[in-house]
Amino acid sequence: MPLKRKNRGRSKGRGKKGRSGFVFCSNCGRRIPEDKAIKRVMWVPTVPAAVARELEKQGAFVPKKRVVKYYCVSCAVHFGVAKIRARDERKELPEEMLSKRYRF
Protein backbone atom coordinates (compact mmCIF):
# COMPACT_ATOMS: atom_id res chain seq x y z
CA MET A 1 0.00 0.00 0.00
CA PRO A 2 1.48 3.38 -0.96
CA LEU A 3 2.38 5.77 1.83
CA LYS A 4 1.36 9.38 1.26
CA ARG A 5 3.18 10.86 4.26
CA LYS A 6 6.21 9.56 6.11
CA ASN A 7 4.70 10.46 9.50
CA ARG A 8 1.13 9.49 8.47
CA GLY A 9 -0.04 13.01 9.33
CA ARG A 10 0.91 12.70 13.00
CA SER A 11 3.71 14.03 15.17
CA LYS A 12 3.86 11.29 17.78
CA GLY A 13 7.55 10.53 17.37
CA ARG A 14 9.09 7.21 16.56
CA GLY A 15 9.90 6.09 20.09
CA LYS A 16 6.57 7.00 21.65
CA LYS A 17 4.22 4.07 22.08
CA GLY A 18 0.53 4.04 22.61
CA ARG A 19 -2.23 6.46 21.81
CA SER A 20 -2.20 10.22 22.13
CA GLY A 21 -5.04 12.12 23.72
CA PHE A 22 -7.86 13.82 21.89
CA VAL A 23 -8.81 17.50 21.62
CA PHE A 24 -11.75 19.26 20.03
CA CYS A 25 -11.47 21.58 17.04
CA SER A 26 -12.09 25.17 18.13
CA ASN A 27 -14.09 25.82 15.00
CA CYS A 28 -16.23 22.81 14.12
CA GLY A 29 -15.99 20.72 17.30
CA ARG A 30 -14.53 17.65 15.61
CA ARG A 31 -12.62 15.33 17.95
CA ILE A 32 -9.06 14.88 16.67
CA PRO A 33 -5.83 13.40 18.04
CA GLU A 34 -3.74 15.99 19.84
CA ASP A 35 -0.64 15.30 17.78
CA LYS A 36 -2.52 15.73 14.49
CA ALA A 37 -4.28 18.98 15.43
CA ILE A 38 -2.90 22.34 14.35
CA LYS A 39 -2.26 24.26 17.57
CA ARG A 40 -2.25 28.05 17.74
CA VAL A 41 -1.49 30.03 20.90
CA MET A 42 -2.80 33.59 21.13
CA TRP A 43 -2.37 36.19 23.83
CA VAL A 44 -5.69 38.02 24.23
CA PRO A 45 -6.25 41.09 26.44
CA THR A 46 -8.63 40.52 29.33
CA VAL A 47 -10.49 43.74 28.50
CA PRO A 48 -12.20 44.60 25.18
CA ALA A 49 -9.85 45.54 22.33
CA ALA A 50 -10.92 49.19 22.11
CA VAL A 51 -10.39 49.71 25.84
CA ALA A 52 -7.03 47.91 25.66
CA ARG A 53 -5.86 50.25 22.88
CA GLU A 54 -6.82 53.32 24.88
CA LEU A 55 -5.09 52.03 28.02
CA GLU A 56 -1.92 51.20 26.08
CA LYS A 57 -1.92 54.72 24.58
CA GLN A 58 -1.96 56.14 28.10
CA GLY A 59 0.94 53.86 29.06
CA ALA A 60 -0.99 51.50 31.34
CA PHE A 61 -0.25 47.79 31.57
CA VAL A 62 -2.96 45.65 30.01
CA PRO A 63 -2.90 42.03 31.23
CA LYS A 64 -3.27 39.35 28.58
CA LYS A 65 -4.30 35.75 28.94
CA ARG A 66 -3.07 32.79 26.93
CA VAL A 67 -5.70 31.19 24.68
CA VAL A 68 -4.87 27.88 22.99
CA LYS A 69 -6.88 26.93 19.91
CA TYR A 70 -6.77 23.58 18.19
CA TYR A 71 -7.91 23.20 14.58
CA CYS A 72 -8.62 20.10 12.54
CA VAL A 73 -6.76 19.99 9.23
CA SER A 74 -9.81 20.83 7.12
CA CYS A 75 -10.74 23.90 9.22
CA ALA A 76 -7.13 25.10 9.35
CA VAL A 77 -6.84 24.98 5.56
CA HIS A 78 -10.29 26.50 5.02
CA PHE A 79 -9.70 29.46 7.33
CA GLY A 80 -6.09 30.07 6.28
CA VAL A 81 -4.48 29.00 9.55
CA ALA A 82 -2.38 26.47 7.61
CA LYS A 83 -1.48 26.79 3.95
CA ILE A 84 -1.11 24.09 1.33
CA ARG A 85 2.42 24.58 0.04
CA ALA A 86 3.58 23.80 -3.47
CA ARG A 87 5.60 20.63 -3.94
CA ASP A 88 8.88 22.51 -4.42
CA GLU A 89 8.27 24.60 -1.27
CA ARG A 90 7.81 21.54 0.93
CA LYS A 91 10.60 19.79 2.78
CA GLU A 92 13.52 19.16 0.42
CA LEU A 93 13.98 15.51 -0.48
CA PRO A 94 16.85 13.85 -2.34
CA GLU A 95 16.19 13.40 -6.06
CA GLU A 96 16.19 9.58 -5.92
CA MET A 97 13.46 9.65 -3.24
CA LEU A 98 11.38 12.01 -5.34
CA SER A 99 11.65 9.74 -8.36
CA LYS A 100 10.48 6.76 -6.27
CA ARG A 101 7.65 8.66 -4.65
CA TYR A 102 6.20 10.53 -7.62
CA ARG A 103 5.85 8.38 -10.70
CA PHE A 104 3.82 10.12 -13.34
PDB file of N, CA and C in Angstrom:
ATOM      1  N   MET A   1       0.845  -1.183   0.000  1.00  0.00           N
ATOM      2  CA  MET A   1       0.000   0.000   0.000  1.00  0.00           C
ATOM      3  C   MET A   1       0.888   1.243   0.000  1.00  0.00           C
ATOM      4  N   PRO A   2       0.633   2.196  -0.897  1.00  0.00           N
ATOM      5  CA  PRO A   2       1.482   3.379  -0.956  1.00  0.00           C
ATOM      6  C   PRO A   2       1.318   4.242   0.297  1.00  0.00           C
ATOM      7  N   LEU A   3       2.370   4.926   0.637  1.00  0.00           N
ATOM      8  CA  LEU A   3       2.381   5.767   1.830  1.00  0.00           C
ATOM      9  C   LEU A   3       2.431   7.214   1.386  1.00  0.00           C
ATOM     10  N   LYS A   4       1.417   7.992   1.714  1.00  0.00           N
ATOM     11  CA  LYS A   4       1.363   9.384   1.264  1.00  0.00           C
ATOM     12  C   LYS A   4       2.290  10.268   2.087  1.00  0.00           C
ATOM     13  N   ARG A   5       2.322  10.057   3.403  1.00  0.00           N
ATOM     14  CA  ARG A   5       3.180  10.858   4.256  1.00  0.00           C
ATOM     15  C   ARG A   5       4.035   9.952   5.132  1.00  0.00           C
ATOM     16  N   LYS A   6       5.279  10.358   5.319  1.00  0.00           N
ATOM     17  CA  LYS A   6       6.208   9.560   6.109  1.00  0.00           C
ATOM     18  C   LYS A   6       5.719   9.417   7.554  1.00  0.00           C
ATOM     19  N   ASN A   7       5.157  10.497   8.108  1.00  0.00           N
ATOM     20  CA  ASN A   7       4.703  10.462   9.502  1.00  0.00           C
ATOM     21  C   ASN A   7       3.214  10.148   9.624  1.00  0.00           C
ATOM     22  N   ARG A   8       2.566   9.810   8.513  1.00  0.00           N
ATOM     23  CA  ARG A   8       1.129   9.494   8.467  1.00  0.00           C
ATOM     24  C   ARG A   8       0.260  10.617   9.017  1.00  0.00           C
ATOM     25  N   GLY A   9       0.739  11.854   8.888  1.00  0.00           N
ATOM     26  CA  GLY A   9      -0.045  13.007   9.328  1.00  0.00           C
ATOM     27  C   GLY A   9      -0.045  13.217  10.824  1.00  0.00           C
ATOM     28  N   ARG A  10       0.859  12.579  11.540  1.00  0.00           N
ATOM     29  CA  ARG A  10       0.913  12.698  12.996  1.00  0.00           C
ATOM     30  C   ARG A  10       2.297  13.165  13.419  1.00  0.00           C
ATOM     31  N   SER A  11       2.406  13.626  14.650  1.00  0.00           N
ATOM     32  CA  SER A  11       3.712  14.027  15.173  1.00  0.00           C
ATOM     33  C   SER A  11       3.988  13.331  16.500  1.00  0.00           C
ATOM     34  N   LYS A  12       3.704  12.042  16.538  1.00  0.00           N
ATOM     35  CA  LYS A  12       3.859  11.288  17.783  1.00  0.00           C
ATOM     36  C   LYS A  12       5.314  11.009  18.116  1.00  0.00           C
ATOM     37  N   GLY A  13       6.165  10.909  17.131  1.00  0.00           N
ATOM     38  CA  GLY A  13       7.545  10.533  17.371  1.00  0.00           C
ATOM     39  C   GLY A  13       7.694   9.035  17.214  1.00  0.00           C
ATOM     40  N   ARG A  14       8.874   8.624  16.861  1.00  0.00           N
ATOM     41  CA  ARG A  14       9.092   7.210  16.560  1.00  0.00           C
ATOM     42  C   ARG A  14       9.188   6.357  17.817  1.00  0.00           C
ATOM     43  N   GLY A  15       9.715   6.899  18.912  1.00  0.00           N
ATOM     44  CA  GLY A  15       9.900   6.089  20.095  1.00  0.00           C
ATOM     45  C   GLY A  15       8.675   6.023  20.993  1.00  0.00           C
ATOM     46  N   LYS A  16       7.735   6.918  20.774  1.00  0.00           N
ATOM     47  CA  LYS A  16       6.566   6.997  21.654  1.00  0.00           C
ATOM     48  C   LYS A  16       5.573   5.892  21.315  1.00  0.00           C
ATOM     49  N   LYS A  17       5.175   5.162  22.295  1.00  0.00           N
ATOM     50  CA  LYS A  17       4.223   4.070  22.084  1.00  0.00           C
ATOM     51  C   LYS A  17       2.850   4.478  22.604  1.00  0.00           C
ATOM     52  N   GLY A  18       1.869   3.820  22.096  1.00  0.00           N
ATOM     53  CA  GLY A  18       0.530   4.035  22.614  1.00  0.00           C
ATOM     54  C   GLY A  18      -0.204   5.157  21.904  1.00  0.00           C
ATOM     55  N   ARG A  19      -1.357   5.476  22.435  1.00  0.00           N
ATOM     56  CA  ARG A  19      -2.226   6.459  21.809  1.00  0.00           C
ATOM     57  C   ARG A  19      -2.015   7.829  22.411  1.00  0.00           C
ATOM     58  N   SER A  20      -2.245   8.849  21.613  1.00  0.00           N
ATOM     59  CA  SER A  20      -2.202  10.215  22.131  1.00  0.00           C
ATOM     60  C   SER A  20      -3.624  10.622  22.509  1.00  0.00           C
ATOM     61  N   GLY A  21      -3.727  11.667  23.295  1.00  0.00           N
ATOM     62  CA  GLY A  21      -5.044  12.122  23.724  1.00  0.00           C
ATOM     63  C   GLY A  21      -5.796  12.827  22.605  1.00  0.00           C
ATOM     64  N   PHE A  22      -7.028  13.152  22.876  1.00  0.00           N
ATOM     65  CA  PHE A  22      -7.862  13.822  21.886  1.00  0.00           C
ATOM     66  C   PHE A  22      -8.172  15.245  22.338  1.00  0.00           C
ATOM     67  N   VAL A  23      -8.359  16.127  21.368  1.00  0.00           N
ATOM     68  CA  VAL A  23      -8.806  17.496  21.617  1.00  0.00           C
ATOM     69  C   VAL A  23      -9.952  17.785  20.652  1.00  0.00           C
ATOM     70  N   PHE A  24     -10.654  18.874  20.898  1.00  0.00           N
ATOM     71  CA  PHE A  24     -11.752  19.262  20.032  1.00  0.00           C
ATOM     72  C   PHE A  24     -11.347  20.465  19.194  1.00  0.00           C
ATOM     73  N   CYS A  25     -11.744  20.463  17.941  1.00  0.00           N
ATOM     74  CA  CYS A  25     -11.474  21.581  17.036  1.00  0.00           C
ATOM     75  C   CYS A  25     -12.203  22.811  17.571  1.00  0.00           C
ATOM     76  N   SER A  26     -11.500  23.940  17.614  1.00  0.00           N
ATOM     77  CA  SER A  26     -12.094  25.171  18.131  1.00  0.00           C
ATOM     78  C   SER A  26     -13.155  25.733  17.202  1.00  0.00           C
ATOM     79  N   ASN A  27     -13.161  25.268  15.972  1.00  0.00           N
ATOM     80  CA  ASN A  27     -14.091  25.820  14.998  1.00  0.00           C
ATOM     81  C   ASN A  27     -15.319  24.935  14.800  1.00  0.00           C
ATOM     82  N   CYS A  28     -15.093  23.667  14.463  1.00  0.00           N
ATOM     83  CA  CYS A  28     -16.234  22.808  14.120  1.00  0.00           C
ATOM     84  C   CYS A  28     -16.582  21.812  15.218  1.00  0.00           C
ATOM     85  N   GLY A  29     -15.699  21.627  16.201  1.00  0.00           N
ATOM     86  CA  GLY A  29     -15.989  20.719  17.299  1.00  0.00           C
ATOM     87  C   GLY A  29     -15.604  19.279  17.039  1.00  0.00           C
ATOM     88  N   ARG A  30     -14.949  19.011  15.918  1.00  0.00           N
ATOM     89  CA  ARG A  30     -14.534  17.648  15.609  1.00  0.00           C
ATOM     90  C   ARG A  30     -13.489  17.172  16.610  1.00  0.00           C
ATOM     91  N   ARG A  31     -13.564  15.917  17.004  1.00  0.00           N
ATOM     92  CA  ARG A  31     -12.616  15.327  17.951  1.00  0.00           C
ATOM     93  C   ARG A  31     -11.440  14.759  17.161  1.00  0.00           C
ATOM     94  N   ILE A  32     -10.240  15.288  17.421  1.00  0.00           N
ATOM     95  CA  ILE A  32      -9.061  14.882  16.668  1.00  0.00           C
ATOM     96  C   ILE A  32      -7.919  14.560  17.614  1.00  0.00           C
ATOM     97  N   PRO A  33      -6.978  13.698  17.197  1.00  0.00           N
ATOM     98  CA  PRO A  33      -5.827  13.400  18.044  1.00  0.00           C
ATOM     99  C   PRO A  33      -4.986  14.656  18.277  1.00  0.00           C
ATOM    100  N   GLU A  34      -4.465  14.779  19.465  1.00  0.00           N
ATOM    101  CA  GLU A  34      -3.737  15.991  19.843  1.00  0.00           C
ATOM    102  C   GLU A  34      -2.501  16.207  18.989  1.00  0.00           C
ATOM    103  N   ASP A  35      -1.856  15.142  18.574  1.00  0.00           N
ATOM    104  CA  ASP A  35      -0.642  15.300  17.782  1.00  0.00           C
ATOM    105  C   ASP A  35      -0.931  15.586  16.312  1.00  0.00           C
ATOM    106  N   LYS A  36      -2.156  15.420  15.879  1.00  0.00           N
ATOM    107  CA  LYS A  36      -2.519  15.730  14.493  1.00  0.00           C
ATOM    108  C   LYS A  36      -3.101  17.134  14.374  1.00  0.00           C
ATOM    109  N   ALA A  37      -3.626  17.668  15.448  1.00  0.00           N
ATOM    110  CA  ALA A  37      -4.282  18.982  15.435  1.00  0.00           C
ATOM    111  C   ALA A  37      -3.268  20.086  15.187  1.00  0.00           C
ATOM    112  N   ILE A  38      -3.721  21.145  14.544  1.00  0.00           N
ATOM    113  CA  ILE A  38      -2.903  22.339  14.346  1.00  0.00           C
ATOM    114  C   ILE A  38      -3.169  23.246  15.530  1.00  0.00           C
ATOM    115  N   LYS A  39      -2.115  23.521  16.311  1.00  0.00           N
ATOM    116  CA  LYS A  39      -2.259  24.255  17.568  1.00  0.00           C
ATOM    117  C   LYS A  39      -1.790  25.690  17.377  1.00  0.00           C
ATOM    118  N   ARG A  40      -2.606  26.636  17.800  1.00  0.00           N
ATOM    119  CA  ARG A  40      -2.247  28.046  17.743  1.00  0.00           C
ATOM    120  C   ARG A  40      -2.457  28.659  19.123  1.00  0.00           C
ATOM    121  N   VAL A  41      -1.431  29.374  19.595  1.00  0.00           N
ATOM    122  CA  VAL A  41      -1.491  30.032  20.901  1.00  0.00           C
ATOM    123  C   VAL A  41      -1.604  31.530  20.656  1.00  0.00           C
ATOM    124  N   MET A  42      -2.600  32.155  21.271  1.00  0.00           N
ATOM    125  CA  MET A  42      -2.803  33.594  21.129  1.00  0.00           C
ATOM    126  C   MET A  42      -2.846  34.232  22.513  1.00  0.00           C
ATOM    127  N   TRP A  43      -2.300  35.428  22.600  1.00  0.00           N
ATOM    128  CA  TRP A  43      -2.372  36.194  23.831  1.00  0.00           C
ATOM    129  C   TRP A  43      -3.441  37.265  23.642  1.00  0.00           C
ATOM    130  N   VAL A  44      -4.526  37.159  24.399  1.00  0.00           N
ATOM    131  CA  VAL A  44      -5.690  38.022  24.232  1.00  0.00           C
ATOM    132  C   VAL A  44      -5.828  38.903  25.469  1.00  0.00           C
ATOM    133  N   PRO A  45      -6.051  40.218  25.274  1.00  0.00           N
ATOM    134  CA  PRO A  45      -6.248  41.093  26.436  1.00  0.00           C
ATOM    135  C   PRO A  45      -7.514  40.704  27.205  1.00  0.00           C
ATOM    136  N   THR A  46      -7.486  40.890  28.503  1.00  0.00           N
ATOM    137  CA  THR A  46      -8.631  40.516  29.334  1.00  0.00           C
ATOM    138  C   THR A  46      -9.763  41.536  29.238  1.00  0.00           C
ATOM    139  N   VAL A  47      -9.467  42.715  28.708  1.00  0.00           N
ATOM    140  CA  VAL A  47     -10.493  43.739  28.505  1.00  0.00           C
ATOM    141  C   VAL A  47     -10.794  43.831  27.006  1.00  0.00           C
ATOM    142  N   PRO A  48     -11.908  44.453  26.608  1.00  0.00           N
ATOM    143  CA  PRO A  48     -12.200  44.597  25.182  1.00  0.00           C
ATOM    144  C   PRO A  48     -11.079  45.321  24.426  1.00  0.00           C
ATOM    145  N   ALA A  49     -10.974  45.043  23.127  1.00  0.00           N
ATOM    146  CA  ALA A  49      -9.852  45.536  22.329  1.00  0.00           C
ATOM    147  C   ALA A  49      -9.777  47.067  22.294  1.00  0.00           C
ATOM    148  N   ALA A  50     -10.923  47.729  22.166  1.00  0.00           N
ATOM    149  CA  ALA A  50     -10.919  49.193  22.108  1.00  0.00           C
ATOM    150  C   ALA A  50     -10.406  49.796  23.416  1.00  0.00           C
ATOM    151  N   VAL A  51     -10.837  49.232  24.524  1.00  0.00           N
ATOM    152  CA  VAL A  51     -10.386  49.713  25.837  1.00  0.00           C
ATOM    153  C   VAL A  51      -8.894  49.435  26.008  1.00  0.00           C
ATOM    154  N   ALA A  52      -8.442  48.273  25.546  1.00  0.00           N
ATOM    155  CA  ALA A  52      -7.029  47.910  25.659  1.00  0.00           C
ATOM    156  C   ALA A  52      -6.158  48.894  24.883  1.00  0.00           C
ATOM    157  N   ARG A  53      -6.617  49.282  23.688  1.00  0.00           N
ATOM    158  CA  ARG A  53      -5.858  50.249  22.883  1.00  0.00           C
ATOM    159  C   ARG A  53      -5.738  51.592  23.598  1.00  0.00           C
ATOM    160  N   GLU A  54      -6.831  52.042  24.164  1.00  0.00           N
ATOM    161  CA  GLU A  54      -6.818  53.324  24.880  1.00  0.00           C
ATOM    162  C   GLU A  54      -5.885  53.271  26.096  1.00  0.00           C
ATOM    163  N   LEU A  55      -5.957  52.167  26.835  1.00  0.00           N
ATOM    164  CA  LEU A  55      -5.093  52.031  28.017  1.00  0.00           C
ATOM    165  C   LEU A  55      -3.618  51.977  27.624  1.00  0.00           C
ATOM    166  N   GLU A  56      -3.314  51.284  26.530  1.00  0.00           N
ATOM    167  CA  GLU A  56      -1.920  51.199  26.084  1.00  0.00           C
ATOM    168  C   GLU A  56      -1.413  52.552  25.600  1.00  0.00           C
ATOM    169  N   LYS A  57      -2.293  53.360  25.001  1.00  0.00           N
ATOM    170  CA  LYS A  57      -1.921  54.717  24.580  1.00  0.00           C
ATOM    171  C   LYS A  57      -1.524  55.563  25.775  1.00  0.00           C
ATOM    172  N   GLN A  58      -2.240  55.373  26.878  1.00  0.00           N
ATOM    173  CA  GLN A  58      -1.959  56.141  28.097  1.00  0.00           C
ATOM    174  C   GLN A  58      -0.758  55.584  28.852  1.00  0.00           C
ATOM    175  N   GLY A  59      -0.245  54.431  28.419  1.00  0.00           N
ATOM    176  CA  GLY A  59       0.937  53.861  29.058  1.00  0.00           C
ATOM    177  C   GLY A  59       0.631  52.878  30.165  1.00  0.00           C
ATOM    178  N   ALA A  60      -0.617  52.458  30.286  1.00  0.00           N
ATOM    179  CA  ALA A  60      -0.988  51.504  31.340  1.00  0.00           C
ATOM    180  C   ALA A  60      -0.668  50.076  30.886  1.00  0.00           C
ATOM    181  N   PHE A  61      -0.494  49.202  31.849  1.00  0.00           N
ATOM    182  CA  PHE A  61      -0.246  47.786  31.570  1.00  0.00           C
ATOM    183  C   PHE A  61      -1.587  47.083  31.396  1.00  0.00           C
ATOM    184  N   VAL A  62      -1.725  46.391  30.271  1.00  0.00           N
ATOM    185  CA  VAL A  62      -2.959  45.650  30.006  1.00  0.00           C
ATOM    186  C   VAL A  62      -2.630  44.160  30.108  1.00  0.00           C
ATOM    187  N   PRO A  63      -3.196  43.468  31.105  1.00  0.00           N
ATOM    188  CA  PRO A  63      -2.900  42.031  31.233  1.00  0.00           C
ATOM    189  C   PRO A  63      -3.513  41.234  30.080  1.00  0.00           C
ATOM    190  N   LYS A  64      -2.789  40.207  29.662  1.00  0.00           N
ATOM    191  CA  LYS A  64      -3.269  39.351  28.582  1.00  0.00           C
ATOM    192  C   LYS A  64      -3.275  37.913  29.055  1.00  0.00           C
ATOM    193  N   LYS A  65      -4.250  37.153  28.575  1.00  0.00           N
ATOM    194  CA  LYS A  65      -4.302  35.747  28.944  1.00  0.00           C
ATOM    195  C   LYS A  65      -3.996  34.892  27.722  1.00  0.00           C
ATOM    196  N   ARG A  66      -3.492  33.713  27.982  1.00  0.00           N
ATOM    197  CA  ARG A  66      -3.071  32.790  26.930  1.00  0.00           C
ATOM    198  C   ARG A  66      -4.266  31.945  26.505  1.00  0.00           C
ATOM    199  N   VAL A  67      -4.589  31.973  25.215  1.00  0.00           N
ATOM    200  CA  VAL A  67      -5.696  31.190  24.675  1.00  0.00           C
ATOM    201  C   VAL A  67      -5.115  30.202  23.668  1.00  0.00           C
ATOM    202  N   VAL A  68      -5.363  28.923  23.890  1.00  0.00           N
ATOM    203  CA  VAL A  68      -4.871  27.881  22.988  1.00  0.00           C
ATOM    204  C   VAL A  68      -6.034  27.398  22.142  1.00  0.00           C
ATOM    205  N   LYS A  69      -5.844  27.409  20.818  1.00  0.00           N
ATOM    206  CA  LYS A  69      -6.878  26.934  19.911  1.00  0.00           C
ATOM    207  C   LYS A  69      -6.320  25.768  19.106  1.00  0.00           C
ATOM    208  N   TYR A  70      -7.126  24.734  18.999  1.00  0.00           N
ATOM    209  CA  TYR A  70      -6.773  23.576  18.189  1.00  0.00           C
ATOM    210  C   TYR A  70      -7.696  23.553  16.977  1.00  0.00           C
ATOM    211  N   TYR A  71      -7.126  23.278  15.805  1.00  0.00           N
ATOM    212  CA  TYR A  71      -7.913  23.197  14.581  1.00  0.00           C
ATOM    213  C   TYR A  71      -7.706  21.842  13.933  1.00  0.00           C
ATOM    214  N   CYS A  72      -8.786  21.286  13.373  1.00  0.00           N
ATOM    215  CA  CYS A  72      -8.620  20.097  12.544  1.00  0.00           C
ATOM    216  C   CYS A  72      -8.009  20.560  11.220  1.00  0.00           C
ATOM    217  N   VAL A  73      -7.472  19.637  10.444  1.00  0.00           N
ATOM    218  CA  VAL A  73      -6.765  19.990   9.226  1.00  0.00           C
ATOM    219  C   VAL A  73      -7.686  20.711   8.245  1.00  0.00           C
ATOM    220  N   SER A  74      -8.905  20.227   8.100  1.00  0.00           N
ATOM    221  CA  SER A  74      -9.808  20.832   7.124  1.00  0.00           C
ATOM    222  C   SER A  74     -10.174  22.265   7.513  1.00  0.00           C
ATOM    223  N   CYS A  75     -10.425  22.531   8.785  1.00  0.00           N
ATOM    224  CA  CYS A  75     -10.743  23.896   9.220  1.00  0.00           C
ATOM    225  C   CYS A  75      -9.519  24.804   9.098  1.00  0.00           C
ATOM    226  N   ALA A  76      -8.349  24.292   9.427  1.00  0.00           N
ATOM    227  CA  ALA A  76      -7.132  25.098   9.351  1.00  0.00           C
ATOM    228  C   ALA A  76      -6.854  25.530   7.916  1.00  0.00           C
ATOM    229  N   VAL A  77      -7.060  24.631   6.965  1.00  0.00           N
ATOM    230  CA  VAL A  77      -6.844  24.980   5.561  1.00  0.00           C
ATOM    231  C   VAL A  77      -7.930  25.937   5.092  1.00  0.00           C
ATOM    232  N   HIS A  78      -9.173  25.681   5.474  1.00  0.00           N
ATOM    233  CA  HIS A  78     -10.293  26.501   5.016  1.00  0.00           C
ATOM    234  C   HIS A  78     -10.193  27.940   5.516  1.00  0.00           C
ATOM    235  N   PHE A  79      -9.762  28.120   6.754  1.00  0.00           N
ATOM    236  CA  PHE A  79      -9.700  29.456   7.331  1.00  0.00           C
ATOM    237  C   PHE A  79      -8.324  30.098   7.230  1.00  0.00           C
ATOM    238  N   GLY A  80      -7.391  29.470   6.525  1.00  0.00           N
ATOM    239  CA  GLY A  80      -6.086  30.071   6.277  1.00  0.00           C
ATOM    240  C   GLY A  80      -5.123  29.994   7.435  1.00  0.00           C
ATOM    241  N   VAL A  81      -5.410  29.174   8.433  1.00  0.00           N
ATOM    242  CA  VAL A  81      -4.480  28.997   9.551  1.00  0.00           C
ATOM    243  C   VAL A  81      -3.251  28.237   9.069  1.00  0.00           C
ATOM    244  N   ALA A  82      -3.463  27.229   8.229  1.00  0.00           N
ATOM    245  CA  ALA A  82      -2.381  26.468   7.608  1.00  0.00           C
ATOM    246  C   ALA A  82      -2.549  26.566   6.102  1.00  0.00           C
ATOM    247  N   LYS A  83      -1.442  26.666   5.401  1.00  0.00           N
ATOM    248  CA  LYS A  83      -1.481  26.787   3.948  1.00  0.00           C
ATOM    249  C   LYS A  83      -1.049  25.475   3.309  1.00  0.00           C
ATOM    250  N   ILE A  84      -1.580  25.219   2.126  1.00  0.00           N
ATOM    251  CA  ILE A  84      -1.108  24.092   1.327  1.00  0.00           C
ATOM    252  C   ILE A  84       0.041  24.619   0.489  1.00  0.00           C
ATOM    253  N   ARG A  85       1.236  24.090   0.745  1.00  0.00           N
ATOM    254  CA  ARG A  85       2.416  24.579   0.043  1.00  0.00           C
ATOM    255  C   ARG A  85       2.635  23.804  -1.255  1.00  0.00           C
ATOM    256  N   ALA A  86       3.248  24.450  -2.212  1.00  0.00           N
ATOM    257  CA  ALA A  86       3.584  23.797  -3.468  1.00  0.00           C
ATOM    258  C   ALA A  86       4.621  22.708  -3.211  1.00  0.00           C
ATOM    259  N   ARG A  87       4.705  21.761  -4.124  1.00  0.00           N
ATOM    260  CA  ARG A  87       5.601  20.626  -3.939  1.00  0.00           C
ATOM    261  C   ARG A  87       7.051  21.065  -3.768  1.00  0.00           C
ATOM    262  N   ASP A  88       7.490  22.071  -4.532  1.00  0.00           N
ATOM    263  CA  ASP A  88       8.884  22.508  -4.425  1.00  0.00           C
ATOM    264  C   ASP A  88       9.133  23.341  -3.170  1.00  0.00           C
ATOM    265  N   GLU A  89       8.091  23.841  -2.511  1.00  0.00           N
ATOM    266  CA  GLU A  89       8.266  24.598  -1.270  1.00  0.00           C
ATOM    267  C   GLU A  89       8.252  23.695  -0.040  1.00  0.00           C
ATOM    268  N   ARG A  90       7.855  22.455  -0.209  1.00  0.00           N
ATOM    269  CA  ARG A  90       7.809  21.536   0.925  1.00  0.00           C
ATOM    270  C   ARG A  90       9.216  21.105   1.302  1.00  0.00           C
ATOM    271  N   LYS A  91       9.307  20.257   2.295  1.00  0.00           N
ATOM    272  CA  LYS A  91      10.601  19.788   2.775  1.00  0.00           C
ATOM    273  C   LYS A  91      11.399  19.200   1.623  1.00  0.00           C
ATOM    274  N   GLU A  92      12.661  19.620   1.514  1.00  0.00           N
ATOM    275  CA  GLU A  92      13.516  19.158   0.423  1.00  0.00           C
ATOM    276  C   GLU A  92      13.838  17.677   0.592  1.00  0.00           C
ATOM    277  N   LEU A  93      13.680  16.934  -0.479  1.00  0.00           N
ATOM    278  CA  LEU A  93      13.983  15.512  -0.476  1.00  0.00           C
ATOM    279  C   LEU A  93      15.038  15.232  -1.535  1.00  0.00           C
ATOM    280  N   PRO A  94      15.891  14.219  -1.310  1.00  0.00           N
ATOM    281  CA  PRO A  94      16.853  13.848  -2.343  1.00  0.00           C
ATOM    282  C   PRO A  94      16.140  13.430  -3.625  1.00  0.00           C
ATOM    283  N   GLU A  95      16.806  13.634  -4.748  1.00  0.00           N
ATOM    284  CA  GLU A  95      16.193  13.398  -6.060  1.00  0.00           C
ATOM    285  C   GLU A  95      15.761  11.953  -6.251  1.00  0.00           C
ATOM    286  N   GLU A  96      16.554  10.987  -5.730  1.00  0.00           N
ATOM    287  CA  GLU A  96      16.194   9.575  -5.917  1.00  0.00           C
ATOM    288  C   GLU A  96      14.925   9.210  -5.139  1.00  0.00           C
ATOM    289  N   MET A  97      14.697   9.886  -3.986  1.00  0.00           N
ATOM    290  CA  MET A  97      13.465   9.648  -3.237  1.00  0.00           C
ATOM    291  C   MET A  97      12.267  10.226  -3.969  1.00  0.00           C
ATOM    292  N   LEU A  98      12.462  11.386  -4.585  1.00  0.00           N
ATOM    293  CA  LEU A  98      11.375  12.007  -5.341  1.00  0.00           C
ATOM    294  C   LEU A  98      10.979  11.137  -6.528  1.00  0.00           C
ATOM    295  N   SER A  99      11.959  10.556  -7.197  1.00  0.00           N
ATOM    296  CA  SER A  99      11.648   9.739  -8.362  1.00  0.00           C
ATOM    297  C   SER A  99      10.900   8.474  -7.954  1.00  0.00           C
ATOM    298  N   LYS A 100      11.195   7.930  -6.759  1.00  0.00           N
ATOM    299  CA  LYS A 100      10.480   6.757  -6.274  1.00  0.00           C
ATOM    300  C   LYS A 100       9.062   7.120  -5.876  1.00  0.00           C
ATOM    301  N   ARG A 101       8.922   8.279  -5.225  1.00  0.00           N
ATOM    302  CA  ARG A 101       7.648   8.661  -4.647  1.00  0.00           C
ATOM    303  C   ARG A 101       6.632   9.125  -5.700  1.00  0.00           C
ATOM    304  N   TYR A 102       7.115   9.956  -6.635  1.00  0.00           N
ATOM    305  CA  TYR A 102       6.200  10.532  -7.624  1.00  0.00           C
ATOM    306  C   TYR A 102       6.485   9.933  -8.993  1.00  0.00           C
ATOM    307  N   ARG A 103       5.729   8.969  -9.351  1.00  0.00           N
ATOM    308  CA  ARG A 103       5.855   8.382 -10.699  1.00  0.00           C
ATOM    309  C   ARG A 103       4.648   8.827 -11.503  1.00  0.00           C
ATOM    310  N   PHE A 104       4.920   9.588 -12.530  1.00  0.00           N
ATOM    311  CA  PHE A 104       3.824  10.121 -13.343  1.00  0.00           C
ATOM    312  C   PHE A 104       3.674   9.337 -14.628  1.00  0.00           C
TER     313      PHE A 104
END
